[in-house]
Full PDB file with SEQRES, HELIX, SHEET, SSBOND, CRYST1, ORIGX, SCALE, CONECT and MASTER records, all heavy atoms in Angstrom:
SEQRES   1 A   33  ILE TYR ASP GLY TYR TYR TYR HIS GLY ASP ASN LYS PHE          
SEQRES   2 A   33  PHE VAL SER ASP LEU LEU HIS LEU VAL ARG ALA LEU LYS          
SEQRES   3 A   33  ARG ASN ILE GLU ASN GLN PHE                                  
HELIX    1 AA1 SER A   16  GLU A   30  1                                  15    
CRYST1    1.000    1.000    1.000  90.00  90.00  90.00 P 1           1          
ORIGX1      1.000000  0.000000  0.000000        0.00000                         
ORIGX2      0.000000  1.000000  0.000000        0.00000                         
ORIGX3      0.000000  0.000000  1.000000        0.00000                         
SCALE1      1.000000  0.000000  0.000000        0.00000                         
SCALE2      0.000000  1.000000  0.000000        0.00000                         
SCALE3      0.000000  0.000000  1.000000        0.00000                         
ATOM      1  N   ILE A   1     144.414 141.900 163.303  1.00  0.00           N  
ATOM      2  CA  ILE A   1     145.801 141.716 163.730  1.00  0.00           C  
ATOM      3  C   ILE A   1     146.702 142.800 163.147  1.00  0.00           C  
ATOM      4  O   ILE A   1     147.523 143.386 163.861  1.00  0.00           O  
ATOM      5  CB  ILE A   1     146.325 140.318 163.327  1.00  0.00           C  
ATOM      6  CG1 ILE A   1     145.554 139.224 164.072  1.00  0.00           C  
ATOM      7  CG2 ILE A   1     147.821 140.199 163.604  1.00  0.00           C  
ATOM      8  CD1 ILE A   1     145.661 139.285 165.585  1.00  0.00           C  
ATOM      9  N   TYR A   2     146.543 143.096 161.855  1.00  0.00           N  
ATOM     10  CA  TYR A   2     147.410 144.082 161.216  1.00  0.00           C  
ATOM     11  C   TYR A   2     147.017 145.515 161.562  1.00  0.00           C  
ATOM     12  O   TYR A   2     147.867 146.353 161.859  1.00  0.00           O  
ATOM     13  CB  TYR A   2     147.370 143.931 159.685  1.00  0.00           C  
ATOM     14  CG  TYR A   2     148.040 142.694 159.149  1.00  0.00           C  
ATOM     15  CD1 TYR A   2     147.436 141.936 158.145  1.00  0.00           C  
ATOM     16  CD2 TYR A   2     149.275 142.271 159.618  1.00  0.00           C  
ATOM     17  CE1 TYR A   2     148.042 140.805 157.635  1.00  0.00           C  
ATOM     18  CE2 TYR A   2     149.888 141.138 159.117  1.00  0.00           C  
ATOM     19  CZ  TYR A   2     149.267 140.413 158.125  1.00  0.00           C  
ATOM     20  OH  TYR A   2     149.874 139.289 157.625  1.00  0.00           O  
ATOM     21  N   ASP A   3     145.713 145.800 161.509  1.00  0.00           N  
ATOM     22  CA  ASP A   3     145.255 147.190 161.581  1.00  0.00           C  
ATOM     23  C   ASP A   3     144.582 147.554 162.899  1.00  0.00           C  
ATOM     24  O   ASP A   3     144.392 148.731 163.190  1.00  0.00           O  
ATOM     25  CB  ASP A   3     144.280 147.470 160.426  1.00  0.00           C  
ATOM     26  CG  ASP A   3     144.866 147.084 159.071  1.00  0.00           C  
ATOM     27  OD1 ASP A   3     146.069 147.330 158.869  1.00  0.00           O  
ATOM     28  OD2 ASP A   3     144.130 146.522 158.242  1.00  0.00           O  
ATOM     29  N   GLY A   4     144.181 146.551 163.667  1.00  0.00           N  
ATOM     30  CA  GLY A   4     143.532 146.830 164.945  1.00  0.00           C  
ATOM     31  C   GLY A   4     142.036 147.018 164.846  1.00  0.00           C  
ATOM     32  O   GLY A   4     141.362 147.292 165.837  1.00  0.00           O  
ATOM     33  N   TYR A   5     141.481 146.876 163.649  1.00  0.00           N  
ATOM     34  CA  TYR A   5     140.038 147.001 163.471  1.00  0.00           C  
ATOM     35  C   TYR A   5     139.621 146.139 162.286  1.00  0.00           C  
ATOM     36  O   TYR A   5     140.453 145.634 161.537  1.00  0.00           O  
ATOM     37  CB  TYR A   5     139.649 148.457 163.216  1.00  0.00           C  
ATOM     38  CG  TYR A   5     140.249 149.039 161.953  1.00  0.00           C  
ATOM     39  CD1 TYR A   5     139.603 148.901 160.723  1.00  0.00           C  
ATOM     40  CD2 TYR A   5     141.464 149.708 161.982  1.00  0.00           C  
ATOM     41  CE1 TYR A   5     140.162 149.398 159.565  1.00  0.00           C  
ATOM     42  CE2 TYR A   5     142.032 150.216 160.819  1.00  0.00           C  
ATOM     43  CZ  TYR A   5     141.380 150.066 159.629  1.00  0.00           C  
ATOM     44  OH  TYR A   5     141.939 150.554 158.464  1.00  0.00           O  
ATOM     45  N   TYR A   6     138.321 145.977 162.112  1.00  0.00           N  
ATOM     46  CA  TYR A   6     137.819 145.253 160.954  1.00  0.00           C  
ATOM     47  C   TYR A   6     136.494 145.869 160.539  1.00  0.00           C  
ATOM     48  O   TYR A   6     135.824 146.532 161.331  1.00  0.00           O  
ATOM     49  CB  TYR A   6     137.633 143.755 161.268  1.00  0.00           C  
ATOM     50  CG  TYR A   6     136.470 143.458 162.186  1.00  0.00           C  
ATOM     51  CD1 TYR A   6     135.252 143.028 161.682  1.00  0.00           C  
ATOM     52  CD2 TYR A   6     136.577 143.632 163.574  1.00  0.00           C  
ATOM     53  CE1 TYR A   6     134.174 142.760 162.513  1.00  0.00           C  
ATOM     54  CE2 TYR A   6     135.514 143.365 164.404  1.00  0.00           C  
ATOM     55  CZ  TYR A   6     134.316 142.936 163.876  1.00  0.00           C  
ATOM     56  OH  TYR A   6     133.261 142.682 164.701  1.00  0.00           O  
ATOM     57  N   TYR A   7     136.138 145.649 159.285  1.00  0.00           N  
ATOM     58  CA  TYR A   7     134.866 146.154 158.780  1.00  0.00           C  
ATOM     59  C   TYR A   7     133.749 145.241 159.272  1.00  0.00           C  
ATOM     60  O   TYR A   7     133.721 144.046 158.968  1.00  0.00           O  
ATOM     61  CB  TYR A   7     134.880 146.200 157.249  1.00  0.00           C  
ATOM     62  CG  TYR A   7     133.553 146.583 156.651  1.00  0.00           C  
ATOM     63  CD1 TYR A   7     133.044 147.870 156.798  1.00  0.00           C  
ATOM     64  CD2 TYR A   7     132.793 145.639 155.963  1.00  0.00           C  
ATOM     65  CE1 TYR A   7     131.820 148.210 156.267  1.00  0.00           C  
ATOM     66  CE2 TYR A   7     131.563 145.972 155.419  1.00  0.00           C  
ATOM     67  CZ  TYR A   7     131.081 147.258 155.577  1.00  0.00           C  
ATOM     68  OH  TYR A   7     129.862 147.600 155.057  1.00  0.00           O  
ATOM     69  N   HIS A   8     132.848 145.795 160.062  1.00  0.00           N  
ATOM     70  CA  HIS A   8     131.801 144.989 160.693  1.00  0.00           C  
ATOM     71  C   HIS A   8     130.951 144.255 159.658  1.00  0.00           C  
ATOM     72  O   HIS A   8     130.954 143.048 159.578  1.00  0.00           O  
ATOM     73  CB  HIS A   8     130.902 145.890 161.558  1.00  0.00           C  
ATOM     74  CG  HIS A   8     131.065 145.629 163.012  1.00  0.00           C  
ATOM     75  ND1 HIS A   8     130.493 144.562 163.653  1.00  0.00           N  
ATOM     76  CD2 HIS A   8     131.771 146.294 163.951  1.00  0.00           C  
ATOM     77  CE1 HIS A   8     130.816 144.592 164.930  1.00  0.00           C  
ATOM     78  NE2 HIS A   8     131.599 145.628 165.143  1.00  0.00           N  
ATOM     79  N   GLY A   9     130.256 145.024 158.873  1.00  0.00           N  
ATOM     80  CA  GLY A   9     129.386 144.409 157.884  1.00  0.00           C  
ATOM     81  C   GLY A   9     128.403 143.444 158.520  1.00  0.00           C  
ATOM     82  O   GLY A   9     128.069 143.526 159.688  1.00  0.00           O  
ATOM     83  N   ASP A  10     127.964 142.504 157.738  1.00  0.00           N  
ATOM     84  CA  ASP A  10     127.020 141.491 158.225  1.00  0.00           C  
ATOM     85  C   ASP A  10     127.743 140.144 158.235  1.00  0.00           C  
ATOM     86  O   ASP A  10     127.758 139.425 157.248  1.00  0.00           O  
ATOM     87  CB  ASP A  10     125.790 141.441 157.305  1.00  0.00           C  
ATOM     88  CG  ASP A  10     124.789 140.375 157.778  1.00  0.00           C  
ATOM     89  OD1 ASP A  10     124.846 140.015 158.962  1.00  0.00           O  
ATOM     90  OD2 ASP A  10     123.988 139.929 156.947  1.00  0.00           O  
ATOM     91  N   ASN A  11     128.402 139.834 159.343  1.00  0.00           N  
ATOM     92  CA  ASN A  11     129.104 138.562 159.409  1.00  0.00           C  
ATOM     93  C   ASN A  11     128.731 137.825 160.681  1.00  0.00           C  
ATOM     94  O   ASN A  11     128.380 138.426 161.689  1.00  0.00           O  
ATOM     95  CB  ASN A  11     130.623 138.767 159.319  1.00  0.00           C  
ATOM     96  CG  ASN A  11     131.188 139.376 160.590  1.00  0.00           C  
ATOM     97  OD1 ASN A  11     131.413 138.671 161.568  1.00  0.00           O  
ATOM     98  ND2 ASN A  11     131.411 140.685 160.595  1.00  0.00           N  
ATOM     99  N   LYS A  12     128.824 136.516 160.610  1.00  0.00           N  
ATOM    100  CA  LYS A  12     128.396 135.673 161.722  1.00  0.00           C  
ATOM    101  C   LYS A  12     129.552 135.260 162.624  1.00  0.00           C  
ATOM    102  O   LYS A  12     129.357 134.537 163.596  1.00  0.00           O  
ATOM    103  CB  LYS A  12     127.725 134.417 161.180  1.00  0.00           C  
ATOM    104  CG  LYS A  12     128.680 133.503 160.404  1.00  0.00           C  
ATOM    105  CD  LYS A  12     127.963 132.260 159.909  1.00  0.00           C  
ATOM    106  CE  LYS A  12     128.916 131.300 159.208  1.00  0.00           C  
ATOM    107  NZ  LYS A  12     128.246 130.090 158.720  1.00  0.00           N  
ATOM    108  N   PHE A  13     130.760 135.724 162.285  1.00  0.00           N  
ATOM    109  CA  PHE A  13     131.930 135.207 162.972  1.00  0.00           C  
ATOM    110  C   PHE A  13     132.227 135.903 164.294  1.00  0.00           C  
ATOM    111  O   PHE A  13     132.406 135.257 165.320  1.00  0.00           O  
ATOM    112  CB  PHE A  13     133.163 135.305 162.065  1.00  0.00           C  
ATOM    113  CG  PHE A  13     133.020 134.526 160.799  1.00  0.00           C  
ATOM    114  CD1 PHE A  13     133.047 135.167 159.573  1.00  0.00           C  
ATOM    115  CD2 PHE A  13     132.852 133.145 160.819  1.00  0.00           C  
ATOM    116  CE1 PHE A  13     132.923 134.456 158.403  1.00  0.00           C  
ATOM    117  CE2 PHE A  13     132.724 132.431 159.651  1.00  0.00           C  
ATOM    118  CZ  PHE A  13     132.764 133.085 158.436  1.00  0.00           C  
ATOM    119  N   PHE A  14     132.286 137.219 164.265  1.00  0.00           N  
ATOM    120  CA  PHE A  14     132.777 137.920 165.438  1.00  0.00           C  
ATOM    121  C   PHE A  14     131.676 138.186 166.453  1.00  0.00           C  
ATOM    122  O   PHE A  14     131.325 139.318 166.748  1.00  0.00           O  
ATOM    123  CB  PHE A  14     133.498 139.197 165.037  1.00  0.00           C  
ATOM    124  CG  PHE A  14     134.893 138.938 164.532  1.00  0.00           C  
ATOM    125  CD1 PHE A  14     135.546 139.856 163.745  1.00  0.00           C  
ATOM    126  CD2 PHE A  14     135.544 137.747 164.851  1.00  0.00           C  
ATOM    127  CE1 PHE A  14     136.836 139.605 163.279  1.00  0.00           C  
ATOM    128  CE2 PHE A  14     136.824 137.490 164.392  1.00  0.00           C  
ATOM    129  CZ  PHE A  14     137.473 138.414 163.610  1.00  0.00           C  
ATOM    130  N   VAL A  15     131.111 137.103 166.957  1.00  0.00           N  
ATOM    131  CA  VAL A  15     130.229 137.207 168.114  1.00  0.00           C  
ATOM    132  C   VAL A  15     131.118 137.447 169.329  1.00  0.00           C  
ATOM    133  O   VAL A  15     132.338 137.331 169.267  1.00  0.00           O  
ATOM    134  CB  VAL A  15     129.388 135.923 168.287  1.00  0.00           C  
ATOM    135  CG1 VAL A  15     128.420 135.787 167.137  1.00  0.00           C  
ATOM    136  CG2 VAL A  15     130.287 134.696 168.368  1.00  0.00           C  
ATOM    137  N   SER A  16     130.546 137.758 170.449  1.00  0.00           N  
ATOM    138  CA  SER A  16     131.298 138.293 171.585  1.00  0.00           C  
ATOM    139  C   SER A  16     132.480 137.432 172.018  1.00  0.00           C  
ATOM    140  O   SER A  16     133.598 137.927 172.193  1.00  0.00           O  
ATOM    141  CB  SER A  16     130.356 138.527 172.760  1.00  0.00           C  
ATOM    142  OG  SER A  16     129.715 137.314 173.131  1.00  0.00           O  
ATOM    143  N   ASP A  17     132.273 136.119 172.203  1.00  0.00           N  
ATOM    144  CA  ASP A  17     133.348 135.269 172.713  1.00  0.00           C  
ATOM    145  C   ASP A  17     134.526 135.189 171.743  1.00  0.00           C  
ATOM    146  O   ASP A  17     135.688 135.284 172.141  1.00  0.00           O  
ATOM    147  CB  ASP A  17     132.821 133.851 172.983  1.00  0.00           C  
ATOM    148  CG  ASP A  17     131.892 133.802 174.187  1.00  0.00           C  
ATOM    149  OD1 ASP A  17     131.916 134.773 174.973  1.00  0.00           O  
ATOM    150  OD2 ASP A  17     131.154 132.815 174.335  1.00  0.00           O  
ATOM    151  N   LEU A  18     134.220 135.024 170.457  1.00  0.00           N  
ATOM    152  CA  LEU A  18     135.274 134.910 169.459  1.00  0.00           C  
ATOM    153  C   LEU A  18     136.024 136.234 169.309  1.00  0.00           C  
ATOM    154  O   LEU A  18     137.260 136.263 169.237  1.00  0.00           O  
ATOM    155  CB  LEU A  18     134.677 134.478 168.123  1.00  0.00           C  
ATOM    156  CG  LEU A  18     135.663 134.101 167.010  1.00  0.00           C  
ATOM    157  CD1 LEU A  18     136.625 133.018 167.478  1.00  0.00           C  
ATOM    158  CD2 LEU A  18     134.908 133.629 165.776  1.00  0.00           C  
ATOM    159  N   LEU A  19     135.296 137.316 169.274  1.00  0.00           N  
ATOM    160  CA  LEU A  19     135.919 138.631 169.155  1.00  0.00           C  
ATOM    161  C   LEU A  19     136.811 138.912 170.366  1.00  0.00           C  
ATOM    162  O   LEU A  19     137.901 139.475 170.238  1.00  0.00           O  
ATOM    163  CB  LEU A  19     134.845 139.712 169.027  1.00  0.00           C  
ATOM    164  CG  LEU A  19     135.339 141.148 168.795  1.00  0.00           C  
ATOM    165  CD1 LEU A  19     136.200 141.231 167.549  1.00  0.00           C  
ATOM    166  CD2 LEU A  19     134.157 142.101 168.692  1.00  0.00           C  
ATOM    167  N   HIS A  20     136.356 138.491 171.540  1.00  0.00           N  
ATOM    168  CA  HIS A  20     137.144 138.678 172.759  1.00  0.00           C  
ATOM    169  C   HIS A  20     138.483 137.938 172.651  1.00  0.00           C  
ATOM    170  O   HIS A  20     139.534 138.478 173.032  1.00  0.00           O  
ATOM    171  CB  HIS A  20     136.355 138.156 173.965  1.00  0.00           C  
ATOM    172  CG  HIS A  20     137.147 138.146 175.234  1.00  0.00           C  
ATOM    173  ND1 HIS A  20     137.413 139.282 175.971  1.00  0.00           N  
ATOM    174  CD2 HIS A  20     137.755 137.112 175.899  1.00  0.00           C  
ATOM    175  CE1 HIS A  20     138.143 138.961 177.027  1.00  0.00           C  
ATOM    176  NE2 HIS A  20     138.355 137.666 177.005  1.00  0.00           N  
ATOM    177  N   LEU A  21     138.465 136.720 172.131  1.00  0.00           N  
ATOM    178  CA  LEU A  21     139.689 135.942 171.996  1.00  0.00           C  
ATOM    179  C   LEU A  21     140.652 136.566 170.992  1.00  0.00           C  
ATOM    180  O   LEU A  21     141.866 136.624 171.226  1.00  0.00           O  
ATOM    181  CB  LEU A  21     139.347 134.508 171.565  1.00  0.00           C  
ATOM    182  CG  LEU A  21     138.727 133.606 172.629  1.00  0.00           C  
ATOM    183  CD1 LEU A  21     138.223 132.310 172.006  1.00  0.00           C  
ATOM    184  CD2 LEU A  21     139.739 133.303 173.737  1.00  0.00           C  
ATOM    185  N   VAL A  22     140.124 137.032 169.859  1.00  0.00           N  
ATOM    186  CA  VAL A  22     140.992 137.640 168.846  1.00  0.00           C  
ATOM    187  C   VAL A  22     141.613 138.923 169.386  1.00  0.00           C  
ATOM    188  O   VAL A  22     142.807 139.197 169.175  1.00  0.00           O  
ATOM    189  CB  VAL A  22     140.210 137.918 167.543  1.00  0.00           C  
ATOM    190  CG1 VAL A  22     141.097 138.642 166.534  1.00  0.00           C  
ATOM    191  CG2 VAL A  22     139.699 136.612 166.950  1.00  0.00           C  
ATOM    192  N   ARG A  23     140.828 139.712 170.105  1.00  0.00           N  
ATOM    193  CA  ARG A  23     141.379 140.940 170.697  1.00  0.00           C  
ATOM    194  C   ARG A  23     142.403 140.628 171.777  1.00  0.00           C  
ATOM    195  O   ARG A  23     143.388 141.365 171.940  1.00  0.00           O  
ATOM    196  CB  ARG A  23     140.241 141.805 171.237  1.00  0.00           C  
ATOM    197  CG  ARG A  23     139.473 142.514 170.116  1.00  0.00           C  
ATOM    198  CD  ARG A  23     138.337 143.351 170.641  1.00  0.00           C  
ATOM    199  NE  ARG A  23     137.774 144.167 169.562  1.00  0.00           N  
ATOM    200  CZ  ARG A  23     136.575 144.715 169.599  1.00  0.00           C  
ATOM    201  NH1 ARG A  23     135.787 144.514 170.658  1.00  0.00           N  
ATOM    202  NH2 ARG A  23     136.130 145.445 168.598  1.00  0.00           N  
ATOM    203  N   ALA A  24     142.201 139.544 172.513  1.00  0.00           N  
ATOM    204  CA  ALA A  24     143.190 139.119 173.515  1.00  0.00           C  
ATOM    205  C   ALA A  24     144.503 138.751 172.836  1.00  0.00           C  
ATOM    206  O   ALA A  24     145.596 139.066 173.331  1.00  0.00           O  
ATOM    207  CB  ALA A  24     142.651 137.948 174.326  1.00  0.00           C  
ATOM    208  N   LEU A  25     144.414 138.072 171.687  1.00  0.00           N  
ATOM    209  CA  LEU A  25     145.611 137.728 170.921  1.00  0.00           C  
ATOM    210  C   LEU A  25     146.292 138.995 170.408  1.00  0.00           C  
ATOM    211  O   LEU A  25     147.527 139.114 170.472  1.00  0.00           O  
ATOM    212  CB  LEU A  25     145.237 136.808 169.764  1.00  0.00           C  
ATOM    213  CG  LEU A  25     146.367 136.412 168.806  1.00  0.00           C  
ATOM    214  CD1 LEU A  25     147.480 135.674 169.545  1.00  0.00           C  
ATOM    215  CD2 LEU A  25     145.823 135.541 167.668  1.00  0.00           C  
ATOM    216  N   LYS A  26     145.516 139.936 169.909  1.00  0.00           N  
ATOM    217  CA  LYS A  26     146.071 141.204 169.433  1.00  0.00           C  
ATOM    218  C   LYS A  26     146.821 141.912 170.558  1.00  0.00           C  
ATOM    219  O   LYS A  26     147.938 142.410 170.355  1.00  0.00           O  
ATOM    220  CB  LYS A  26     144.937 142.087 168.896  1.00  0.00           C  
ATOM    221  CG  LYS A  26     145.341 143.510 168.519  1.00  0.00           C  
ATOM    222  CD  LYS A  26     146.311 143.553 167.362  1.00  0.00           C  
ATOM    223  CE  LYS A  26     146.609 144.989 166.952  1.00  0.00           C  
ATOM    224  NZ  LYS A  26     147.658 145.064 165.910  1.00  0.00           N  
ATOM    225  N   ARG A  27     146.240 141.940 171.747  1.00  0.00           N  
ATOM    226  CA  ARG A  27     146.905 142.577 172.889  1.00  0.00           C  
ATOM    227  C   ARG A  27     148.183 141.822 173.264  1.00  0.00           C  
ATOM    228  O   ARG A  27     149.192 142.425 173.649  1.00  0.00           O  
ATOM    229  CB  ARG A  27     145.970 142.640 174.092  1.00  0.00           C  
ATOM    230  CG  ARG A  27     144.839 143.646 173.950  1.00  0.00           C  
ATOM    231  CD  ARG A  27     144.144 143.875 175.289  1.00  0.00           C  
ATOM    232  NE  ARG A  27     143.545 142.644 175.802  1.00  0.00           N  
ATOM    233  CZ  ARG A  27     142.309 142.238 175.530  1.00  0.00           C  
ATOM    234  NH1 ARG A  27     141.528 142.967 174.719  1.00  0.00           N  
ATOM    235  NH2 ARG A  27     141.822 141.118 176.047  1.00  0.00           N  
ATOM    236  N   ASN A  28     148.137 140.503 173.156  1.00  0.00           N  
ATOM    237  CA  ASN A  28     149.285 139.671 173.507  1.00  0.00           C  
ATOM    238  C   ASN A  28     150.506 140.012 172.658  1.00  0.00           C  
ATOM    239  O   ASN A  28     151.637 140.036 173.163  1.00  0.00           O  
ATOM    240  CB  ASN A  28     148.912 138.196 173.347  1.00  0.00           C  
ATOM    241  CG  ASN A  28     150.029 137.251 173.753  1.00  0.00           C  
ATOM    242  OD1 ASN A  28     151.049 137.157 173.088  1.00  0.00           O  
ATOM    243  ND2 ASN A  28     149.818 136.530 174.848  1.00  0.00           N  
ATOM    244  N   ILE A  29     150.302 140.268 171.369  1.00  0.00           N  
ATOM    245  CA  ILE A  29     151.442 140.480 170.469  1.00  0.00           C  
ATOM    246  C   ILE A  29     151.760 141.948 170.238  1.00  0.00           C  
ATOM    247  O   ILE A  29     152.765 142.260 169.587  1.00  0.00           O  
ATOM    248  CB  ILE A  29     151.200 139.797 169.103  1.00  0.00           C  
ATOM    249  CG1 ILE A  29     150.049 140.464 168.348  1.00  0.00           C  
ATOM    250  CG2 ILE A  29     150.946 138.304 169.285  1.00  0.00           C  
ATOM    251  CD1 ILE A  29     149.884 139.954 166.926  1.00  0.00           C  
ATOM    252  N   GLU A  30     150.923 142.850 170.769  1.00  0.00           N  
ATOM    253  CA  GLU A  30     151.132 144.274 170.497  1.00  0.00           C  
ATOM    254  C   GLU A  30     152.517 144.758 170.890  1.00  0.00           C  
ATOM    255  O   GLU A  30     153.113 145.576 170.200  1.00  0.00           O  
ATOM    256  CB  GLU A  30     150.061 145.109 171.213  1.00  0.00           C  
ATOM    257  CG  GLU A  30     148.828 145.343 170.393  1.00  0.00           C  
ATOM    258  CD  GLU A  30     147.794 146.175 171.126  1.00  0.00           C  
ATOM    259  OE1 GLU A  30     147.859 146.271 172.372  1.00  0.00           O  
ATOM    260  OE2 GLU A  30     146.918 146.723 170.440  1.00  0.00           O  
ATOM    261  N   ASN A  31     153.023 144.304 172.019  1.00  0.00           N  
ATOM    262  CA  ASN A  31     154.318 144.766 172.512  1.00  0.00           C  
ATOM    263  C   ASN A  31     155.378 143.675 172.440  1.00  0.00           C  
ATOM    264  O   ASN A  31     156.289 143.633 173.262  1.00  0.00           O  
ATOM    265  CB  ASN A  31     154.176 145.265 173.951  1.00  0.00           C  
ATOM    266  CG  ASN A  31     153.293 146.493 174.033  1.00  0.00           C  
ATOM    267  OD1 ASN A  31     153.479 147.458 173.300  1.00  0.00           O  
ATOM    268  ND2 ASN A  31     152.303 146.451 174.922  1.00  0.00           N  
ATOM    269  N   GLN A  32     155.248 142.800 171.439  1.00  0.00           N  
ATOM    270  CA  GLN A  32     156.242 141.761 171.230  1.00  0.00           C  
ATOM    271  C   GLN A  32     156.843 141.896 169.833  1.00  0.00           C  
ATOM    272  O   GLN A  32     156.196 142.366 168.893  1.00  0.00           O  
ATOM    273  CB  GLN A  32     155.624 140.371 171.408  1.00  0.00           C  
ATOM    274  CG  GLN A  32     155.153 140.091 172.835  1.00  0.00           C  
ATOM    275  CD  GLN A  32     154.969 138.607 173.081  1.00  0.00           C  
ATOM    276  OE1 GLN A  32     155.931 137.877 173.273  1.00  0.00           O  
ATOM    277  NE2 GLN A  32     153.723 138.161 173.086  1.00  0.00           N  
ATOM    278  N   PHE A  33     158.093 141.461 169.730  1.00  0.00           N  
ATOM    279  CA  PHE A  33     158.837 141.581 168.473  1.00  0.00           C  
ATOM    280  C   PHE A  33     159.594 140.272 168.256  1.00  0.00           C  
ATOM    281  O   PHE A  33     160.169 139.717 169.198  1.00  0.00           O  
ATOM    282  CB  PHE A  33     159.835 142.735 168.544  1.00  0.00           C  
ATOM    283  CG  PHE A  33     159.215 144.050 168.947  1.00  0.00           C  
ATOM    284  CD1 PHE A  33     159.123 144.395 170.287  1.00  0.00           C  
ATOM    285  CD2 PHE A  33     158.725 144.923 167.994  1.00  0.00           C  
ATOM    286  CE1 PHE A  33     158.551 145.599 170.681  1.00  0.00           C  
ATOM    287  CE2 PHE A  33     158.152 146.127 168.375  1.00  0.00           C  
ATOM    288  CZ  PHE A  33     158.059 146.462 169.716  1.00  0.00           C  
TER     289      PHE A  33                                                      
MASTER        0    0    0    1    0    0    0    6  288    1    0    3          
END                                                                             
C-alpha cells in the first residue's frame, strides 16, 4: 500500500487471488485523497 511493492521471500500469503485483491485496492486508492 505504501510503496507499491513487497519483499517476496518465502511467504504463504500472497497467492494469486489474495495478491490480486490487494493490488486492486492499491489501484483503487492511488488517485484518491
